[in-house]
């Protein structure tokens, strides 16, 4: 990957949105967006996560970008809520 985040930011790929619940109920399109992603690269000041980690992030804090036909997110480290 040639996207190199600066400072305390990470580049991540969104995980696919869930279409069914654990009990098999189909979810409609009104379901909230996925707020989990997998980290693709990290900036030099990131201390708590690393490439390959799955994360939970604040839904409206990420910047969506498209690079070489793939959708990515750029997220500040402070907006990452947890690792999964």
PDB file of N, CA and C in Angstrom:
ATOM      1  N   UNK A   1       0.853  -1.174   0.000  1.00  0.00           N
ATOM      2  CA  UNK A   1       0.000   0.000   0.000  1.00  0.00           C
ATOM      3  C   UNK A   1       0.896   1.232   0.000  1.00  0.00           C
ATOM      4  N   UNK A   2       0.505   2.220  -0.787  1.00  0.00           N
ATOM      5  CA  UNK A   2       1.327   3.420  -0.869  1.00  0.00           C
ATOM      6  C   UNK A   2       0.742   4.603  -0.104  1.00  0.00           C
ATOM      7  N   UNK A   3      -0.350   4.413   0.617  1.00  0.00           N
ATOM      8  CA  UNK A   3      -0.888   5.483   1.460  1.00  0.00           C
ATOM      9  C   UNK A   3      -0.151   5.419   2.791  1.00  0.00           C
ATOM     10  N   UNK A   4       0.545   6.494   3.131  1.00  0.00           N
ATOM     11  CA  UNK A   4       1.291   6.544   4.392  1.00  0.00           C
ATOM     12  C   UNK A   4       0.694   7.643   5.257  1.00  0.00           C
ATOM     13  N   UNK A   5      -0.023   7.277   6.310  1.00  0.00           N
ATOM     14  CA  UNK A   5      -0.646   8.289   7.161  1.00  0.00           C
ATOM     15  C   UNK A   5       0.397   9.074   7.955  1.00  0.00           C
ATOM     16  N   UNK A   6       0.070  10.306   8.265  1.00  0.00           N
ATOM     17  CA  UNK A   6       0.959  11.174   9.033  1.00  0.00           C
ATOM     18  C   UNK A   6       0.571  11.176  10.502  1.00  0.00           C
ATOM     19  N   UNK A   7       1.507  11.508  11.342  1.00  0.00           N
ATOM     20  CA  UNK A   7       1.304  11.722  12.781  1.00  0.00           C
ATOM     21  C   UNK A   7       0.589  10.545  13.436  1.00  0.00           C
ATOM     22  N   UNK A   8      -0.555  10.825  14.085  1.00  0.00           N
ATOM     23  CA  UNK A   8      -1.256   9.802  14.870  1.00  0.00           C
ATOM     24  C   UNK A   8      -2.464   9.241  14.128  1.00  0.00           C
ATOM     25  N   UNK A   9      -2.361   9.118  12.818  1.00  0.00           N
ATOM     26  CA  UNK A   9      -3.487   8.610  12.031  1.00  0.00           C
ATOM     27  C   UNK A   9      -3.203   7.199  11.523  1.00  0.00           C
ATOM     28  N   UNK A  10      -4.296   6.469  11.241  1.00  0.00           N
ATOM     29  CA  UNK A  10      -4.193   5.137  10.655  1.00  0.00           C
ATOM     30  C   UNK A  10      -5.038   5.093   9.388  1.00  0.00           C
ATOM     31  N   UNK A  11      -4.645   4.218   8.460  1.00  0.00           N
ATOM     32  CA  UNK A  11      -5.439   3.941   7.271  1.00  0.00           C
ATOM     33  C   UNK A  11      -6.028   2.561   7.470  1.00  0.00           C
ATOM     34  N   UNK A  12      -7.343   2.438   7.247  1.00  0.00           N
ATOM     35  CA  UNK A  12      -8.024   1.174   7.487  1.00  0.00           C
ATOM     36  C   UNK A  12      -9.032   0.893   6.382  1.00  0.00           C
ATOM     37  N   UNK A  13      -9.387  -0.388   6.228  1.00  0.00           N
ATOM     38  CA  UNK A  13     -10.439  -0.816   5.310  1.00  0.00           C
ATOM     39  C   UNK A  13     -11.657  -1.171   6.137  1.00  0.00           C
ATOM     40  N   UNK A  14     -12.824  -0.666   5.731  1.00  0.00           N
ATOM     41  CA  UNK A  14     -14.063  -1.005   6.422  1.00  0.00           C
ATOM     42  C   UNK A  14     -14.337  -2.489   6.310  1.00  0.00           C
ATOM     43  N   UNK A  15     -14.838  -3.082   7.396  1.00  0.00           N
ATOM     44  CA  UNK A  15     -15.297  -4.463   7.352  1.00  0.00           C
ATOM     45  C   UNK A  15     -16.658  -4.479   6.673  1.00  0.00           C
ATOM     46  N   UNK A  16     -17.010  -5.607   6.083  1.00  0.00           N
ATOM     47  CA  UNK A  16     -18.310  -5.737   5.418  1.00  0.00           C
ATOM     48  C   UNK A  16     -19.427  -5.599   6.437  1.00  0.00           C
ATOM     49  N   UNK A  17     -20.488  -4.914   6.065  1.00  0.00           N
ATOM     50  CA  UNK A  17     -21.639  -4.734   6.957  1.00  0.00           C
ATOM     51  C   UNK A  17     -22.359  -6.064   7.145  1.00  0.00           C
ATOM     52  N   UNK A  18     -22.851  -6.293   8.343  1.00  0.00           N
ATOM     53  CA  UNK A  18     -23.577  -7.512   8.663  1.00  0.00           C
ATOM     54  C   UNK A  18     -24.965  -7.470   8.038  1.00  0.00           C
ATOM     55  N   UNK A  19     -25.381  -8.579   7.421  1.00  0.00           N
ATOM     56  CA  UNK A  19     -26.709  -8.611   6.802  1.00  0.00           C
ATOM     57  C   UNK A  19     -27.699  -9.456   7.592  1.00  0.00           C
ATOM     58  N   UNK A  20     -27.202 -10.239   8.553  1.00  0.00           N
ATOM     59  CA  UNK A  20     -28.082 -11.031   9.413  1.00  0.00           C
ATOM     60  C   UNK A  20     -27.605 -10.937  10.856  1.00  0.00           C
ATOM     61  N   UNK A  21     -28.540 -11.170  11.775  1.00  0.00           N
ATOM     62  CA  UNK A  21     -28.177 -11.204  13.190  1.00  0.00           C
ATOM     63  C   UNK A  21     -27.665 -12.597  13.529  1.00  0.00           C
ATOM     64  N   UNK A  22     -27.179 -12.791  14.746  1.00  0.00           N
ATOM     65  CA  UNK A  22     -26.674 -14.097  15.176  1.00  0.00           C
ATOM     66  C   UNK A  22     -27.761 -15.160  15.127  1.00  0.00           C
ATOM     67  N   UNK A  23     -29.021 -14.760  15.300  1.00  0.00           N
ATOM     68  CA  UNK A  23     -30.121 -15.728  15.271  1.00  0.00           C
ATOM     69  C   UNK A  23     -30.699 -15.928  13.873  1.00  0.00           C
ATOM     70  N   UNK A  24     -30.126 -15.259  12.862  1.00  0.00           N
ATOM     71  CA  UNK A  24     -30.539 -15.482  11.483  1.00  0.00           C
ATOM     72  C   UNK A  24     -31.554 -14.501  10.929  1.00  0.00           C
ATOM     73  N   UNK A  25     -31.889 -13.461  11.662  1.00  0.00           N
ATOM     74  CA  UNK A  25     -32.854 -12.475  11.188  1.00  0.00           C
ATOM     75  C   UNK A  25     -32.165 -11.569  10.171  1.00  0.00           C
ATOM     76  N   UNK A  26     -32.782 -11.387   9.003  1.00  0.00           N
ATOM     77  CA  UNK A  26     -32.213 -10.516   7.970  1.00  0.00           C
ATOM     78  C   UNK A  26     -32.392  -9.056   8.354  1.00  0.00           C
ATOM     79  N   UNK A  27     -31.361  -8.286   8.163  1.00  0.00           N
ATOM     80  CA  UNK A  27     -31.404  -6.864   8.470  1.00  0.00           C
ATOM     81  C   UNK A  27     -31.672  -6.078   7.189  1.00  0.00           C
ATOM     82  N   UNK A  28     -32.470  -5.027   7.300  1.00  0.00           N
ATOM     83  CA  UNK A  28     -32.764  -4.182   6.149  1.00  0.00           C
ATOM     84  C   UNK A  28     -31.654  -3.185   5.898  1.00  0.00           C
ATOM     85  N   UNK A  29     -31.852  -2.333   4.916  1.00  0.00           N
ATOM     86  CA  UNK A  29     -30.831  -1.347   4.573  1.00  0.00           C
ATOM     87  C   UNK A  29     -30.771  -0.208   5.555  1.00  0.00           C
ATOM     88  N   UNK A  30     -31.734  -0.096   6.471  1.00  0.00           N
ATOM     89  CA  UNK A  30     -31.750   0.986   7.443  1.00  0.00           C
ATOM     90  C   UNK A  30     -30.766   0.746   8.586  1.00  0.00           C
ATOM     91  N   UNK A  31     -30.119  -0.422   8.586  1.00  0.00           N
ATOM     92  CA  UNK A  31     -29.152  -0.721   9.642  1.00  0.00           C
ATOM     93  C   UNK A  31     -28.015   0.302   9.613  1.00  0.00           C
ATOM     94  N   UNK A  32     -27.486   0.609  10.789  1.00  0.00           N
ATOM     95  CA  UNK A  32     -26.366   1.551  10.880  1.00  0.00           C
ATOM     96  C   UNK A  32     -25.157   1.030  10.120  1.00  0.00           C
ATOM     97  N   UNK A  33     -24.307   1.948   9.700  1.00  0.00           N
ATOM     98  CA  UNK A  33     -23.088   1.586   8.993  1.00  0.00           C
ATOM     99  C   UNK A  33     -22.162   0.795   9.912  1.00  0.00           C
ATOM    100  N   UNK A  34     -21.337  -0.027   9.298  1.00  0.00           N
ATOM    101  CA  UNK A  34     -20.332  -0.762  10.052  1.00  0.00           C
ATOM    102  C   UNK A  34     -19.344   0.222  10.670  1.00  0.00           C
ATOM    103  N   UNK A  35     -19.005   0.008  11.904  1.00  0.00           N
ATOM    104  CA  UNK A  35     -18.004   0.857  12.547  1.00  0.00           C
ATOM    105  C   UNK A  35     -16.792   0.030  12.955  1.00  0.00           C
ATOM    106  N   UNK A  36     -16.560  -1.052  12.228  1.00  0.00           N
ATOM    107  CA  UNK A  36     -15.358  -1.840  12.448  1.00  0.00           C
ATOM    108  C   UNK A  36     -14.534  -1.808  11.168  1.00  0.00           C
ATOM    109  N   UNK A  37     -13.230  -1.910  11.341  1.00  0.00           N
ATOM    110  CA  UNK A  37     -12.322  -1.861  10.191  1.00  0.00           C
ATOM    111  C   UNK A  37     -11.044  -2.609  10.540  1.00  0.00           C
ATOM    112  N   UNK A  38     -10.263  -2.899   9.509  1.00  0.00           N
ATOM    113  CA  UNK A  38      -8.961  -3.541   9.681  1.00  0.00           C
ATOM    114  C   UNK A  38      -7.880  -2.548   9.268  1.00  0.00           C
ATOM    115  N   UNK A  39      -6.900  -2.363  10.125  1.00  0.00           N
ATOM    116  CA  UNK A  39      -5.843  -1.384   9.879  1.00  0.00           C
ATOM    117  C   UNK A  39      -4.892  -1.880   8.792  1.00  0.00           C
ATOM    118  N   UNK A  40      -4.637  -1.016   7.808  1.00  0.00           N
ATOM    119  CA  UNK A  40      -3.725  -1.316   6.701  1.00  0.00           C
ATOM    120  C   UNK A  40      -2.354  -0.682   6.899  1.00  0.00           C
ATOM    121  N   UNK A  41      -2.302   0.523   7.479  1.00  0.00           N
ATOM    122  CA  UNK A  41      -1.010   1.158   7.779  1.00  0.00           C
ATOM    123  C   UNK A  41      -1.199   2.172   8.903  1.00  0.00           C
ATOM    124  N   UNK A  42      -0.107   2.478   9.593  1.00  0.00           N
ATOM    125  CA  UNK A  42      -0.164   3.394  10.744  1.00  0.00           C
ATOM    126  C   UNK A  42       0.867   4.504  10.590  1.00  0.00           C
ATOM    127  N   UNK A  43       0.555   5.656  11.167  1.00  0.00           N
ATOM    128  CA  UNK A  43       1.477   6.785  11.163  1.00  0.00           C
ATOM    129  C   UNK A  43       2.582   6.597  12.189  1.00  0.00           C
ATOM    130  N   UNK A  44       3.616   7.418  12.130  1.00  0.00           N
ATOM    131  CA  UNK A  44       4.773   7.258  13.011  1.00  0.00           C
ATOM    132  C   UNK A  44       4.499   7.536  14.488  1.00  0.00           C
ATOM    133  N   UNK A  45       3.444   8.284  14.814  1.00  0.00           N
ATOM    134  CA  UNK A  45       3.157   8.612  16.212  1.00  0.00           C
ATOM    135  C   UNK A  45       2.114   7.700  16.859  1.00  0.00           C
ATOM    136  N   UNK A  46       1.640   6.687  16.147  1.00  0.00           N
ATOM    137  CA  UNK A  46       0.631   5.768  16.690  1.00  0.00           C
ATOM    138  C   UNK A  46       1.308   4.808  17.656  1.00  0.00           C
ATOM    139  N   UNK A  47       0.718   4.670  18.851  1.00  0.00           N
ATOM    140  CA  UNK A  47       1.352   3.854  19.881  1.00  0.00           C
ATOM    141  C   UNK A  47       0.554   2.610  20.283  1.00  0.00           C
ATOM    142  N   UNK A  48      -0.775   2.616  20.119  1.00  0.00           N
ATOM    143  CA  UNK A  48      -1.590   1.548  20.707  1.00  0.00           C
ATOM    144  C   UNK A  48      -2.103   0.502  19.737  1.00  0.00           C
ATOM    145  N   UNK A  49      -2.032   0.738  18.434  1.00  0.00           N
ATOM    146  CA  UNK A  49      -2.514  -0.247  17.460  1.00  0.00           C
ATOM    147  C   UNK A  49      -1.440  -0.478  16.405  1.00  0.00           C
ATOM    148  N   UNK A  50      -1.609  -1.570  15.648  1.00  0.00           N
ATOM    149  CA  UNK A  50      -0.626  -1.895  14.609  1.00  0.00           C
ATOM    150  C   UNK A  50      -1.340  -2.433  13.376  1.00  0.00           C
ATOM    151  N   UNK A  51      -0.623  -2.572  12.303  1.00  0.00           N
ATOM    152  CA  UNK A  51      -1.176  -3.089  11.054  1.00  0.00           C
ATOM    153  C   UNK A  51      -1.789  -4.469  11.290  1.00  0.00           C
ATOM    154  N   UNK A  52      -2.980  -4.686  10.746  1.00  0.00           N
ATOM    155  CA  UNK A  52      -3.661  -5.975  10.885  1.00  0.00           C
ATOM    156  C   UNK A  52      -4.673  -6.020  12.019  1.00  0.00           C
ATOM    157  N   UNK A  53      -4.631  -5.074  12.946  1.00  0.00           N
ATOM    158  CA  UNK A  53      -5.597  -5.039  14.050  1.00  0.00           C
ATOM    159  C   UNK A  53      -6.991  -4.709  13.518  1.00  0.00           C
ATOM    160  N   UNK A  54      -8.015  -5.357  14.088  1.00  0.00           N
ATOM    161  CA  UNK A  54      -9.401  -4.971  13.812  1.00  0.00           C
ATOM    162  C   UNK A  54      -9.797  -3.984  14.889  1.00  0.00           C
ATOM    163  N   UNK A  55     -10.447  -2.885  14.479  1.00  0.00           N
ATOM    164  CA  UNK A  55     -10.774  -1.810  15.403  1.00  0.00           C
ATOM    165  C   UNK A  55     -12.248  -1.446  15.352  1.00  0.00           C
ATOM    166  N   UNK A  56     -12.705  -0.834  16.419  1.00  0.00           N
ATOM    167  CA  UNK A  56     -14.025  -0.221  16.513  1.00  0.00           C
ATOM    168  C   UNK A  56     -13.761   1.270  16.599  1.00  0.00           C
ATOM    169  N   UNK A  57     -14.425   2.071  15.730  1.00  0.00           N
ATOM    170  CA  UNK A  57     -14.135   3.501  15.683  1.00  0.00           C
ATOM    171  C   UNK A  57     -15.422   4.309  15.728  1.00  0.00           C
ATOM    172  N   UNK A  58     -15.295   5.595  16.026  1.00  0.00           N
ATOM    173  CA  UNK A  58     -16.443   6.499  16.016  1.00  0.00           C
ATOM    174  C   UNK A  58     -16.925   6.666  14.588  1.00  0.00           C
ATOM    175  N   UNK A  59     -18.217   6.468  14.381  1.00  0.00           N
ATOM    176  CA  UNK A  59     -18.778   6.416  13.029  1.00  0.00           C
ATOM    177  C   UNK A  59     -18.509   7.668  12.192  1.00  0.00           C
ATOM    178  N   UNK A  60     -18.671   8.841  12.754  1.00  0.00           N
ATOM    179  CA  UNK A  60     -18.550  10.064  11.966  1.00  0.00           C
ATOM    180  C   UNK A  60     -17.184  10.741  12.074  1.00  0.00           C
ATOM    181  N   UNK A  61     -16.213  10.075  12.655  1.00  0.00           N
ATOM    182  CA  UNK A  61     -14.905  10.699  12.833  1.00  0.00           C
ATOM    183  C   UNK A  61     -13.904  10.323  11.745  1.00  0.00           C
ATOM    184  N   UNK A  62     -14.231   9.347  10.922  1.00  0.00           N
ATOM    185  CA  UNK A  62     -13.306   8.883   9.890  1.00  0.00           C
ATOM    186  C   UNK A  62     -13.479   9.678   8.600  1.00  0.00           C
ATOM    187  N   UNK A  63     -12.395   9.800   7.857  1.00  0.00           N
ATOM    188  CA  UNK A  63     -12.426  10.430   6.541  1.00  0.00           C
ATOM    189  C   UNK A  63     -12.405   9.320   5.495  1.00  0.00           C
ATOM    190  N   UNK A  64     -13.437   9.272   4.650  1.00  0.00           N
ATOM    191  CA  UNK A  64     -13.519   8.260   3.592  1.00  0.00           C
ATOM    192  C   UNK A  64     -12.714   8.718   2.383  1.00  0.00           C
ATOM    193  N   UNK A  65     -11.894   7.810   1.845  1.00  0.00           N
ATOM    194  CA  UNK A  65     -11.163   8.096   0.615  1.00  0.00           C
ATOM    195  C   UNK A  65     -11.246   6.885  -0.301  1.00  0.00           C
ATOM    196  N   UNK A  66     -11.058   7.109  -1.580  1.00  0.00           N
ATOM    197  CA  UNK A  66     -11.000   6.022  -2.553  1.00  0.00           C
ATOM    198  C   UNK A  66      -9.645   6.109  -3.242  1.00  0.00           C
ATOM    199  N   UNK A  67      -8.903   5.008  -3.225  1.00  0.00           N
ATOM    200  CA  UNK A  67      -7.563   4.978  -3.812  1.00  0.00           C
ATOM    201  C   UNK A  67      -7.422   3.696  -4.616  1.00  0.00           C
ATOM    202  N   UNK A  68      -7.068   3.804  -5.866  1.00  0.00           N
ATOM    203  CA  UNK A  68      -6.939   2.650  -6.771  1.00  0.00           C
ATOM    204  C   UNK A  68      -8.177   1.756  -6.755  1.00  0.00           C
ATOM    205  N   UNK A  69      -9.359   2.369  -6.691  1.00  0.00           N
ATOM    206  CA  UNK A  69     -10.612   1.614  -6.737  1.00  0.00           C
ATOM    207  C   UNK A  69     -11.010   0.957  -5.428  1.00  0.00           C
ATOM    208  N   UNK A  70     -10.275   1.196  -4.355  1.00  0.00           N
ATOM    209  CA  UNK A  70     -10.585   0.605  -3.049  1.00  0.00           C
ATOM    210  C   UNK A  70     -10.946   1.709  -2.069  1.00  0.00           C
ATOM    211  N   UNK A  71     -11.961   1.460  -1.244  1.00  0.00           N
ATOM    212  CA  UNK A  71     -12.378   2.433  -0.233  1.00  0.00           C
ATOM    213  C   UNK A  71     -11.568   2.240   1.042  1.00  0.00           C
ATOM    214  N   UNK A  72     -11.030   3.344   1.561  1.00  0.00           N
ATOM    215  CA  UNK A  72     -10.257   3.344   2.800  1.00  0.00           C
ATOM    216  C   UNK A  72     -10.799   4.406   3.741  1.00  0.00           C
ATOM    217  N   UNK A  73     -10.388   4.315   4.978  1.00  0.00           N
ATOM    218  CA  UNK A  73     -10.701   5.310   5.995  1.00  0.00           C
ATOM    219  C   UNK A  73      -9.395   5.847   6.552  1.00  0.00           C
ATOM    220  N   UNK A  74      -9.365   7.127   6.879  1.00  0.00           N
ATOM    221  CA  UNK A  74      -8.249   7.679   7.642  1.00  0.00           C
ATOM    222  C   UNK A  74      -8.831   8.117   8.978  1.00  0.00           C
ATOM    223  N   UNK A  75      -8.271   7.573  10.055  1.00  0.00           N
ATOM    224  CA  UNK A  75      -8.828   7.765  11.400  1.00  0.00           C
ATOM    225  C   UNK A  75      -7.719   8.217  12.340  1.00  0.00           C
ATOM    226  N   UNK A  76      -8.011   9.207  13.177  1.00  0.00           N
ATOM    227  CA  UNK A  76      -7.057   9.609  14.213  1.00  0.00           C
ATOM    228  C   UNK A  76      -7.049   8.527  15.297  1.00  0.00           C
ATOM    229  N   UNK A  77      -5.901   8.308  15.896  1.00  0.00           N
ATOM    230  CA  UNK A  77      -5.778   7.274  16.928  1.00  0.00           C
ATOM    231  C   UNK A  77      -6.751   7.519  18.087  1.00  0.00           C
ATOM    232  N   UNK A  78      -6.991   8.780  18.452  1.00  0.00           N
ATOM    233  CA  UNK A  78      -7.891   9.075  19.568  1.00  0.00           C
ATOM    234  C   UNK A  78      -9.351   8.725  19.267  1.00  0.00           C
ATOM    235  N   UNK A  79      -9.709   8.542  17.989  1.00  0.00           N
ATOM    236  CA  UNK A  79     -11.070   8.173  17.618  1.00  0.00           C
ATOM    237  C   UNK A  79     -11.287   6.669  17.527  1.00  0.00           C
ATOM    238  N   UNK A  80     -10.234   5.896  17.793  1.00  0.00           N
ATOM    239  CA  UNK A  80     -10.370   4.440  17.860  1.00  0.00           C
ATOM    240  C   UNK A  80     -10.833   4.088  19.258  1.00  0.00           C
ATOM    241  N   UNK A  81     -11.974   3.398  19.338  1.00  0.00           N
ATOM    242  CA  UNK A  81     -12.574   3.107  20.634  1.00  0.00           C
ATOM    243  C   UNK A  81     -12.061   1.809  21.253  1.00  0.00           C
ATOM    244  N   UNK A  82     -11.765   0.791  20.406  1.00  0.00           N
ATOM    245  CA  UNK A  82     -11.330  -0.504  20.928  1.00  0.00           C
ATOM    246  C   UNK A  82     -10.716  -1.337  19.814  1.00  0.00           C
ATOM    247  N   UNK A  83      -9.961  -2.357  20.211  1.00  0.00           N
ATOM    248  CA  UNK A  83      -9.510  -3.360  19.238  1.00  0.00           C
ATOM    249  C   UNK A  83     -10.361  -4.603  19.453  1.00  0.00           C
ATOM    250  N   UNK A  84     -10.555  -5.352  18.382  1.00  0.00           N
ATOM    251  CA  UNK A  84     -11.393  -6.564  18.457  1.00  0.00           C
ATOM    252  C   UNK A  84     -10.568  -7.803  18.242  1.00  0.00           C
TER     253      UNK A  84
END
